[in-house]
Amino acid sequence: MPKITIDDKQYEIKDDDTEKMQILNTLSLGSNSINLLNHIVQCVDAIQRGKTEELKNVLGVSNEKKKSS
C-alpha cells in the first residue's frame, strides 16, 4: 500500500482504489518531471558558465574587476 504525506499528515492508499492510484501516479510523474527538468537546467547552466570562462580565456579577458575612478 503506497503512502503519501499531505500537509504533514500521512495517508495510505489501497492498491485497488483506481481513482486515488491514478491521482497518485500523476503526482509522481509530475514530481519526477520537475526533478528531471531541474537537473537539465543545472547541466545547461554549468555548460554556459564553463563556455563563458573558456571564451574569456580565448579573448584574453582578465577575471579581475577593473576599478572605476
C-alpha atoms as a PDB file:
ATOM      1  CA  MET A   1       0.000   0.000   0.000  1.00  0.00           C
ATOM      2  CA  PRO A   2       1.561   3.317  -1.045  1.00  0.00           C
ATOM      3  CA  LYS A   3       1.741   6.115   1.494  1.00  0.00           C
ATOM      4  CA  ILE A   4       1.673   9.842   0.798  1.00  0.00           C
ATOM      5  CA  THR A   5       2.127  12.809   3.104  1.00  0.00           C
ATOM      6  CA  ILE A   6      -0.094  15.846   2.579  1.00  0.00           C
ATOM      7  CA  ASP A   7       0.073  18.819   4.944  1.00  0.00           C
ATOM      8  CA  ASP A   8       2.187  16.827   7.428  1.00  0.00           C
ATOM      9  CA  LYS A   9      -0.395  14.031   7.597  1.00  0.00           C
ATOM     10  CA  GLN A  10       0.297  10.582   6.182  1.00  0.00           C
ATOM     11  CA  TYR A  11      -2.301   8.682   4.159  1.00  0.00           C
ATOM     12  CA  GLU A  12      -2.316   5.116   2.890  1.00  0.00           C
ATOM     13  CA  ILE A  13      -3.834   4.391  -0.500  1.00  0.00           C
ATOM     14  CA  LYS A  14      -5.142   0.939  -1.258  1.00  0.00           C
ATOM     15  CA  ASP A  15      -3.762  -0.550  -4.448  1.00  0.00           C
ATOM     16  CA  ASP A  16      -7.269  -1.402  -5.649  1.00  0.00           C
ATOM     17  CA  ASP A  17      -8.521   2.209  -5.322  1.00  0.00           C
ATOM     18  CA  THR A  18      -8.119   3.074  -9.006  1.00  0.00           C
ATOM     19  CA  GLU A  19      -9.110   6.731  -8.800  1.00  0.00           C
ATOM     20  CA  LYS A  20      -6.706   7.540  -5.971  1.00  0.00           C
ATOM     21  CA  MET A  21      -3.906   5.496  -7.555  1.00  0.00           C
ATOM     22  CA  GLN A  22      -4.311   7.405 -10.836  1.00  0.00           C
ATOM     23  CA  ILE A  23      -4.033  10.718  -8.998  1.00  0.00           C
ATOM     24  CA  LEU A  24      -1.005   9.463  -7.070  1.00  0.00           C
ATOM     25  CA  ASN A  25       0.628   8.266 -10.302  1.00  0.00           C
ATOM     26  CA  THR A  26       0.052  11.662 -11.913  1.00  0.00           C
ATOM     27  CA  LEU A  27       1.603  13.400  -8.899  1.00  0.00           C
ATOM     28  CA  SER A  28       4.562  11.035  -9.039  1.00  0.00           C
ATOM     29  CA  LEU A  29       5.057  11.659 -12.756  1.00  0.00           C
ATOM     30  CA  GLY A  30       4.905  15.416 -12.167  1.00  0.00           C
ATOM     31  CA  SER A  31       7.457  15.238  -9.374  1.00  0.00           C
ATOM     32  CA  ASN A  32       9.820  13.122 -11.466  1.00  0.00           C
ATOM     33  CA  SER A  33       9.429  15.516 -14.400  1.00  0.00           C
ATOM     34  CA  ILE A  34      10.230  18.529 -12.220  1.00  0.00           C
ATOM     35  CA  ASN A  35      13.349  16.797 -10.892  1.00  0.00           C
ATOM     36  CA  LEU A  36      14.492  15.943 -14.411  1.00  0.00           C
ATOM     37  CA  LEU A  37      13.878  19.478 -15.682  1.00  0.00           C
ATOM     38  CA  ASN A  38      15.791  20.959 -12.728  1.00  0.00           C
ATOM     39  CA  HIS A  39      18.693  18.627 -13.493  1.00  0.00           C
ATOM     40  CA  ILE A  40      18.665  19.694 -17.148  1.00  0.00           C
ATOM     41  CA  VAL A  41      18.698  23.369 -16.127  1.00  0.00           C
ATOM     42  CA  GLN A  42      21.664  22.772 -13.820  1.00  0.00           C
ATOM     43  CA  CYS A  43      23.564  20.960 -16.589  1.00  0.00           C
ATOM     44  CA  VAL A  44      22.922  23.683 -19.165  1.00  0.00           C
ATOM     45  CA  ASP A  45      23.853  26.384 -16.642  1.00  0.00           C
ATOM     46  CA  ALA A  46      27.146  24.625 -15.853  1.00  0.00           C
ATOM     47  CA  ILE A  47      27.984  24.390 -19.557  1.00  0.00           C
ATOM     48  CA  GLN A  48      27.103  28.071 -20.062  1.00  0.00           C
ATOM     49  CA  ARG A  49      29.391  29.134 -17.210  1.00  0.00           C
ATOM     50  CA  GLY A  50      32.193  26.896 -18.447  1.00  0.00           C
ATOM     51  CA  LYS A  51      31.951  28.124 -22.028  1.00  0.00           C
ATOM     52  CA  THR A  52      31.808  31.753 -20.842  1.00  0.00           C
ATOM     53  CA  GLU A  53      35.064  31.223 -18.960  1.00  0.00           C
ATOM     54  CA  GLU A  54      36.550  29.464 -21.990  1.00  0.00           C
ATOM     55  CA  LEU A  55      35.624  32.406 -24.219  1.00  0.00           C
ATOM     56  CA  LYS A  56      37.076  34.877 -21.705  1.00  0.00           C
ATOM     57  CA  ASN A  57      40.348  32.943 -21.739  1.00  0.00           C
ATOM     58  CA  VAL A  58      40.493  32.866 -25.544  1.00  0.00           C
ATOM     59  CA  LEU A  59      39.739  36.603 -25.695  1.00  0.00           C
ATOM     60  CA  GLY A  60      42.329  37.349 -23.013  1.00  0.00           C
ATOM     61  CA  VAL A  61      39.774  38.836 -20.660  1.00  0.00           C
ATOM     62  CA  SER A  62      41.101  39.191 -17.128  1.00  0.00           C
ATOM     63  CA  ASN A  63      38.985  37.867 -14.260  1.00  0.00           C
ATOM     64  CA  GLU A  64      39.976  40.885 -12.153  1.00  0.00           C
ATOM     65  CA  LYS A  65      37.352  43.572 -11.902  1.00  0.00           C
ATOM     66  CA  LYS A  66      38.521  46.974 -13.082  1.00  0.00           C
ATOM     67  CA  LYS A  67      38.380  49.776 -10.515  1.00  0.00           C
ATOM     68  CA  SER A  68      36.346  52.772 -11.578  1.00  0.00           C
ATOM     69  CA  SER A  69      37.648  56.213 -10.670  1.00  0.00           C
END
